[in-house]
Amino acid sequence: MPEMDGFGVLEEIEKLNPPELESAAIHVLSSTLDERDLLRAKEHARVTSFIGKPLMFDQMRALLS
């Protein structure tokens, strides 16, 4: 993303704390499986999972069900 990365988006969501997202599941999809990124994602209460690319169709189906 040109202006902020995914972690920046997570921080903005947490600042706004929209009630519509109370029950939302946020899945981080990343091209890196760096342990630091995984730990950073776990710091965000709304993050449900951290998934490495490539995302397979079966994985997408499981996430949406």
N, C-alpha and C. Protein backbone atom coordinates (compact mmCIF):
# COMPACT_ATOMS: atom_id res chain seq x y z
N MET A 1 0.86 -1.17 0.00
CA MET A 1 0.00 0.00 0.00
C MET A 1 0.91 1.23 0.00
N PRO A 2 0.54 2.21 -0.74
CA PRO A 2 1.45 3.35 -0.91
C PRO A 2 1.63 4.25 0.32
N GLU A 3 0.64 4.40 1.15
CA GLU A 3 0.76 5.37 2.24
C GLU A 3 0.98 4.76 3.60
N MET A 4 0.60 3.52 3.78
CA MET A 4 0.85 2.84 5.06
C MET A 4 0.82 1.34 4.83
N ASP A 5 1.47 0.62 5.72
CA ASP A 5 1.47 -0.83 5.59
C ASP A 5 0.30 -1.42 6.38
N GLY A 6 0.18 -2.72 6.37
CA GLY A 6 -0.93 -3.38 7.06
C GLY A 6 -0.95 -3.12 8.56
N PHE A 7 0.24 -2.99 9.16
CA PHE A 7 0.29 -2.71 10.59
C PHE A 7 -0.23 -1.30 10.87
N GLY A 8 0.03 -0.38 9.96
CA GLY A 8 -0.51 0.97 10.10
C GLY A 8 -2.03 0.96 10.02
N VAL A 9 -2.58 0.13 9.14
CA VAL A 9 -4.03 -0.01 9.03
C VAL A 9 -4.60 -0.56 10.33
N LEU A 10 -3.96 -1.58 10.90
CA LEU A 10 -4.42 -2.14 12.18
C LEU A 10 -4.42 -1.08 13.28
N GLU A 11 -3.38 -0.27 13.32
CA GLU A 11 -3.29 0.78 14.35
C GLU A 11 -4.40 1.80 14.18
N GLU A 12 -4.70 2.17 12.93
CA GLU A 12 -5.78 3.12 12.69
C GLU A 12 -7.14 2.54 13.08
N ILE A 13 -7.35 1.27 12.78
CA ILE A 13 -8.60 0.62 13.17
C ILE A 13 -8.75 0.65 14.69
N GLU A 14 -7.67 0.36 15.40
CA GLU A 14 -7.74 0.36 16.86
C GLU A 14 -7.97 1.75 17.42
N LYS A 15 -7.44 2.78 16.78
CA LYS A 15 -7.67 4.16 17.21
C LYS A 15 -9.14 4.53 17.07
N LEU A 16 -9.73 4.14 15.93
CA LEU A 16 -11.12 4.47 15.67
C LEU A 16 -12.08 3.63 16.50
N ASN A 17 -11.71 2.36 16.71
CA ASN A 17 -12.52 1.42 17.48
C ASN A 17 -13.98 1.40 17.03
N PRO A 18 -14.22 1.18 15.73
CA PRO A 18 -15.60 1.19 15.26
C PRO A 18 -16.40 0.01 15.81
N PRO A 19 -17.59 0.26 16.32
CA PRO A 19 -18.40 -0.82 16.89
C PRO A 19 -18.74 -1.92 15.87
N GLU A 20 -18.77 -1.57 14.59
CA GLU A 20 -19.08 -2.56 13.56
C GLU A 20 -18.02 -3.66 13.50
N LEU A 21 -16.83 -3.37 13.99
CA LEU A 21 -15.75 -4.35 13.93
C LEU A 21 -15.60 -5.17 15.20
N GLU A 22 -16.48 -4.98 16.15
CA GLU A 22 -16.38 -5.72 17.42
C GLU A 22 -16.32 -7.22 17.21
N SER A 23 -17.11 -7.72 16.29
CA SER A 23 -17.15 -9.17 16.07
C SER A 23 -16.41 -9.58 14.79
N ALA A 24 -15.69 -8.64 14.19
CA ALA A 24 -14.98 -8.94 12.94
C ALA A 24 -13.71 -9.73 13.20
N ALA A 25 -13.40 -10.61 12.28
CA ALA A 25 -12.15 -11.36 12.32
C ALA A 25 -11.19 -10.72 11.33
N ILE A 26 -9.99 -10.39 11.78
CA ILE A 26 -8.98 -9.81 10.90
C ILE A 26 -7.88 -10.85 10.71
N HIS A 27 -7.65 -11.20 9.45
CA HIS A 27 -6.62 -12.17 9.09
C HIS A 27 -5.51 -11.42 8.37
N VAL A 28 -4.30 -11.53 8.87
CA VAL A 28 -3.15 -10.87 8.25
C VAL A 28 -2.59 -11.82 7.20
N LEU A 29 -2.52 -11.35 5.97
CA LEU A 29 -1.94 -12.11 4.87
C LEU A 29 -0.63 -11.45 4.50
N SER A 30 0.46 -12.18 4.60
CA SER A 30 1.78 -11.59 4.42
C SER A 30 2.67 -12.42 3.51
N SER A 31 3.54 -11.73 2.79
CA SER A 31 4.51 -12.41 1.95
C SER A 31 5.74 -12.84 2.76
N THR A 32 5.81 -12.40 3.99
CA THR A 32 6.91 -12.78 4.87
C THR A 32 6.41 -13.60 6.04
N LEU A 33 7.19 -14.53 6.47
CA LEU A 33 6.85 -15.30 7.66
C LEU A 33 7.87 -14.98 8.77
N ASP A 34 8.33 -13.75 8.75
CA ASP A 34 9.29 -13.28 9.74
C ASP A 34 8.66 -13.34 11.13
N GLU A 35 9.36 -13.95 12.06
CA GLU A 35 8.85 -14.12 13.43
C GLU A 35 8.48 -12.77 14.05
N ARG A 36 9.23 -11.71 13.73
CA ARG A 36 8.92 -10.38 14.29
C ARG A 36 7.57 -9.88 13.82
N ASP A 37 7.23 -10.14 12.55
CA ASP A 37 5.93 -9.73 12.03
C ASP A 37 4.81 -10.53 12.68
N LEU A 38 5.04 -11.82 12.88
CA LEU A 38 4.05 -12.65 13.54
C LEU A 38 3.79 -12.15 14.96
N LEU A 39 4.84 -11.86 15.70
CA LEU A 39 4.69 -11.34 17.07
C LEU A 39 4.01 -9.98 17.07
N ARG A 40 4.35 -9.16 16.10
CA ARG A 40 3.72 -7.83 16.00
C ARG A 40 2.23 -7.95 15.72
N ALA A 41 1.85 -8.89 14.88
CA ALA A 41 0.44 -9.11 14.57
C ALA A 41 -0.31 -9.58 15.81
N LYS A 42 0.32 -10.44 16.61
CA LYS A 42 -0.33 -10.96 17.81
C LYS A 42 -0.57 -9.89 18.86
N GLU A 43 0.13 -8.75 18.75
CA GLU A 43 -0.08 -7.64 19.69
C GLU A 43 -1.43 -6.97 19.49
N HIS A 44 -2.04 -7.19 18.34
CA HIS A 44 -3.32 -6.55 18.02
C HIS A 44 -4.46 -7.50 18.38
N ALA A 45 -5.30 -7.06 19.28
CA ALA A 45 -6.38 -7.91 19.81
C ALA A 45 -7.34 -8.40 18.73
N ARG A 46 -7.54 -7.62 17.67
CA ARG A 46 -8.51 -7.99 16.65
C ARG A 46 -7.96 -8.98 15.62
N VAL A 47 -6.66 -9.23 15.62
CA VAL A 47 -6.07 -10.15 14.64
C VAL A 47 -6.39 -11.59 15.02
N THR A 48 -7.02 -12.29 14.10
CA THR A 48 -7.44 -13.67 14.31
C THR A 48 -6.36 -14.66 13.87
N SER A 49 -5.69 -14.35 12.75
CA SER A 49 -4.66 -15.26 12.26
C SER A 49 -3.64 -14.51 11.42
N PHE A 50 -2.48 -15.14 11.25
CA PHE A 50 -1.39 -14.62 10.43
C PHE A 50 -1.09 -15.69 9.39
N ILE A 51 -1.33 -15.38 8.12
CA ILE A 51 -1.24 -16.37 7.05
C ILE A 51 -0.16 -15.95 6.06
N GLY A 52 0.69 -16.89 5.71
CA GLY A 52 1.73 -16.61 4.72
C GLY A 52 1.23 -16.86 3.31
N LYS A 53 1.72 -16.05 2.38
CA LYS A 53 1.39 -16.24 0.97
C LYS A 53 2.20 -17.40 0.44
N PRO A 54 1.73 -18.09 -0.54
CA PRO A 54 0.49 -17.85 -1.28
C PRO A 54 -0.71 -18.40 -0.53
N LEU A 55 -1.82 -17.72 -0.67
CA LEU A 55 -3.07 -18.15 -0.06
C LEU A 55 -3.77 -19.09 -1.04
N MET A 56 -4.01 -20.29 -0.59
CA MET A 56 -4.66 -21.27 -1.45
C MET A 56 -6.18 -21.13 -1.35
N PHE A 57 -6.86 -21.56 -2.40
CA PHE A 57 -8.31 -21.44 -2.46
C PHE A 57 -8.99 -22.13 -1.27
N ASP A 58 -8.52 -23.30 -0.89
CA ASP A 58 -9.11 -24.02 0.24
C ASP A 58 -8.95 -23.25 1.55
N GLN A 59 -7.80 -22.57 1.70
CA GLN A 59 -7.60 -21.74 2.88
C GLN A 59 -8.59 -20.59 2.90
N MET A 60 -8.78 -19.95 1.74
CA MET A 60 -9.72 -18.84 1.65
C MET A 60 -11.13 -19.31 1.98
N ARG A 61 -11.51 -20.45 1.45
CA ARG A 61 -12.84 -21.00 1.73
C ARG A 61 -13.02 -21.26 3.22
N ALA A 62 -12.00 -21.81 3.87
CA ALA A 62 -12.08 -22.09 5.31
C ALA A 62 -12.20 -20.79 6.11
N LEU A 63 -11.49 -19.76 5.71
CA LEU A 63 -11.57 -18.48 6.41
C LEU A 63 -12.94 -17.85 6.30
N LEU A 64 -13.58 -18.03 5.16
CA LEU A 64 -14.87 -17.40 4.92
C LEU A 64 -16.05 -18.20 5.47
N SER A 65 -15.81 -19.45 5.84
CA SER A 65 -16.93 -20.25 6.34
C SER A 65 -17.11 -20.10 7.83
